[in-house]
Amino acid sequence: MSSLSIAASAVAQLPVTEHVASDPFIASLTIFVLAIFVGYHVVWNVTPALHTPLMAVTNAISGIIVVGAMLQVVDINSQQITLTSVLGALAIFLASINIFGGFLVTQRMLDMFKAKKGGK
């Protein structure tokens, strides 16, 4: 048994985890922080040859964010502007900028692989 699995099982048995898991905000914040940590290590450890596919995946994820945000903005049962709809509209705006910029950067990266006109 590795030391990591021993530590993980010890943490899982703590009574504190029951209390933390019962608070949805803390659970969501924990997932968010872990996603940042994993994302940072995934992006910075990618070899240069895989940067273009990574940009394509990032654009796809931003597209999913736009779809999810649109579902949050449009609430058929209510005509009121809520915090959820405002945050959804902000997510649509920021993800749209990310998608547009990502396509421009990906296009520039792909242009580097094209043969230059003029003989060489």
Protein backbone atom coordinates (compact mmCIF):
# COMPACT_ATOMS: atom_id res chain seq x y z
CA MET A 1 0.00 0.00 0.00
CA SER A 2 1.51 3.34 -1.00
CA SER A 3 1.86 6.27 1.36
CA LEU A 4 -0.55 8.29 -0.79
CA SER A 5 -3.34 5.74 -0.42
CA ILE A 6 -2.71 5.51 3.33
CA ALA A 7 -2.93 9.30 3.63
CA ALA A 8 -6.09 9.40 1.50
CA SER A 9 -7.80 6.75 3.59
CA ALA A 10 -6.80 8.55 6.80
CA VAL A 11 -8.27 11.82 5.53
CA ALA A 12 -11.45 10.07 4.39
CA GLN A 13 -12.06 8.77 7.90
CA LEU A 14 -11.85 12.18 9.55
CA PRO A 15 -15.16 13.46 10.95
CA VAL A 16 -14.42 16.86 9.38
CA THR A 17 -15.07 15.55 5.88
CA GLU A 18 -18.67 14.81 6.78
CA HIS A 19 -19.21 18.41 7.86
CA VAL A 20 -17.43 19.91 4.84
CA ALA A 21 -19.32 17.73 2.38
CA SER A 22 -22.63 18.84 3.87
CA ASP A 23 -21.99 22.48 2.88
CA PRO A 24 -22.57 22.76 -0.88
CA PHE A 25 -20.58 26.00 -1.20
CA ILE A 26 -17.46 24.50 0.37
CA ALA A 27 -17.81 21.36 -1.75
CA SER A 28 -18.13 23.45 -4.93
CA LEU A 29 -15.23 25.68 -3.90
CA THR A 30 -13.08 22.61 -3.27
CA ILE A 31 -13.87 21.21 -6.71
CA PHE A 32 -13.14 24.61 -8.28
CA VAL A 33 -9.73 24.90 -6.58
CA LEU A 34 -8.81 21.33 -7.51
CA ALA A 35 -9.84 21.99 -11.13
CA ILE A 36 -7.59 25.06 -11.21
CA PHE A 37 -4.69 23.03 -9.83
CA VAL A 38 -5.16 20.17 -12.30
CA GLY A 39 -5.72 22.55 -15.23
CA TYR A 40 -2.55 24.48 -14.45
CA HIS A 41 -0.45 21.33 -14.44
CA VAL A 42 -2.08 19.95 -17.58
CA VAL A 43 -1.51 23.14 -19.59
CA TRP A 44 2.06 23.81 -18.47
CA ASN A 45 3.22 20.21 -18.95
CA VAL A 46 1.98 19.92 -22.53
CA THR A 47 4.65 19.47 -25.20
CA PRO A 48 4.80 22.25 -27.82
CA ALA A 49 3.54 19.89 -30.55
CA LEU A 50 0.23 19.53 -28.71
CA HIS A 51 -0.54 23.23 -28.22
CA THR A 52 -2.81 23.45 -31.27
CA PRO A 53 -5.02 20.50 -30.22
CA LEU A 54 -5.10 21.92 -26.70
CA MET A 55 -6.40 25.22 -28.08
CA ALA A 56 -9.07 23.33 -30.04
CA VAL A 57 -10.21 21.52 -26.89
CA THR A 58 -10.25 24.81 -24.99
CA ASN A 59 -12.50 26.30 -27.67
CA ALA A 60 -14.82 23.30 -27.41
CA ILE A 61 -15.03 23.69 -23.63
CA SER A 62 -15.82 27.39 -24.05
CA GLY A 63 -18.58 26.43 -26.47
CA ILE A 64 -20.07 24.12 -23.85
CA ILE A 65 -19.89 26.97 -21.33
CA VAL A 66 -21.81 29.21 -23.75
CA VAL A 67 -24.55 26.59 -24.15
CA GLY A 68 -24.82 26.09 -20.38
CA ALA A 69 -24.87 29.83 -19.75
CA MET A 70 -27.62 30.29 -22.34
CA LEU A 71 -29.71 27.73 -20.50
CA GLN A 72 -29.20 29.68 -17.26
CA VAL A 73 -30.04 33.05 -18.83
CA VAL A 74 -33.29 31.91 -20.41
CA ASP A 75 -35.76 31.08 -17.66
CA ILE A 76 -39.12 30.37 -19.24
CA ASN A 77 -41.09 30.44 -15.99
CA SER A 78 -39.96 33.88 -14.86
CA GLN A 79 -39.70 37.32 -16.43
CA GLN A 80 -37.46 38.65 -13.65
CA ILE A 81 -33.76 39.35 -13.96
CA THR A 82 -32.01 37.20 -11.37
CA LEU A 83 -28.39 36.89 -10.27
CA THR A 84 -28.21 33.59 -12.14
CA SER A 85 -29.28 35.21 -15.41
CA VAL A 86 -26.82 38.09 -14.97
CA LEU A 87 -23.94 35.70 -14.24
CA GLY A 88 -25.02 33.55 -17.19
CA ALA A 89 -24.96 36.58 -19.49
CA LEU A 90 -21.49 37.47 -18.21
CA ALA A 91 -20.36 33.87 -18.83
CA ILE A 92 -21.70 34.04 -22.40
CA PHE A 93 -19.80 37.27 -23.03
CA LEU A 94 -16.48 36.07 -21.58
CA ALA A 95 -16.65 32.62 -23.18
CA SER A 96 -17.48 34.20 -26.55
CA ILE A 97 -14.36 36.38 -26.30
CA ASN A 98 -12.36 33.28 -25.38
CA ILE A 99 -13.73 31.32 -28.35
CA PHE A 100 -13.04 34.16 -30.81
CA GLY A 101 -9.51 34.70 -29.48
CA GLY A 102 -8.86 30.97 -29.42
CA PHE A 103 -9.80 30.62 -33.07
CA LEU A 104 -7.49 33.50 -34.00
CA VAL A 105 -4.57 32.01 -32.07
CA THR A 106 -5.22 28.54 -33.49
CA GLN A 107 -5.32 29.95 -37.02
CA ARG A 108 -2.00 31.72 -36.49
CA MET A 109 -0.47 28.52 -35.10
CA LEU A 110 -1.68 26.50 -38.09
CA ASP A 111 -0.37 29.14 -40.51
CA MET A 112 3.14 28.50 -39.19
CA PHE A 113 2.97 24.97 -40.64
CA LYS A 114 1.98 26.07 -44.15
CA ALA A 115 4.61 26.24 -46.88
CA LYS A 116 5.66 29.79 -47.65
CA LYS A 117 5.04 31.17 -51.13
CA GLY A 118 8.17 32.19 -52.97
CA GLY A 119 10.25 29.08 -53.35
CA LYS A 120 11.71 28.26 -49.95
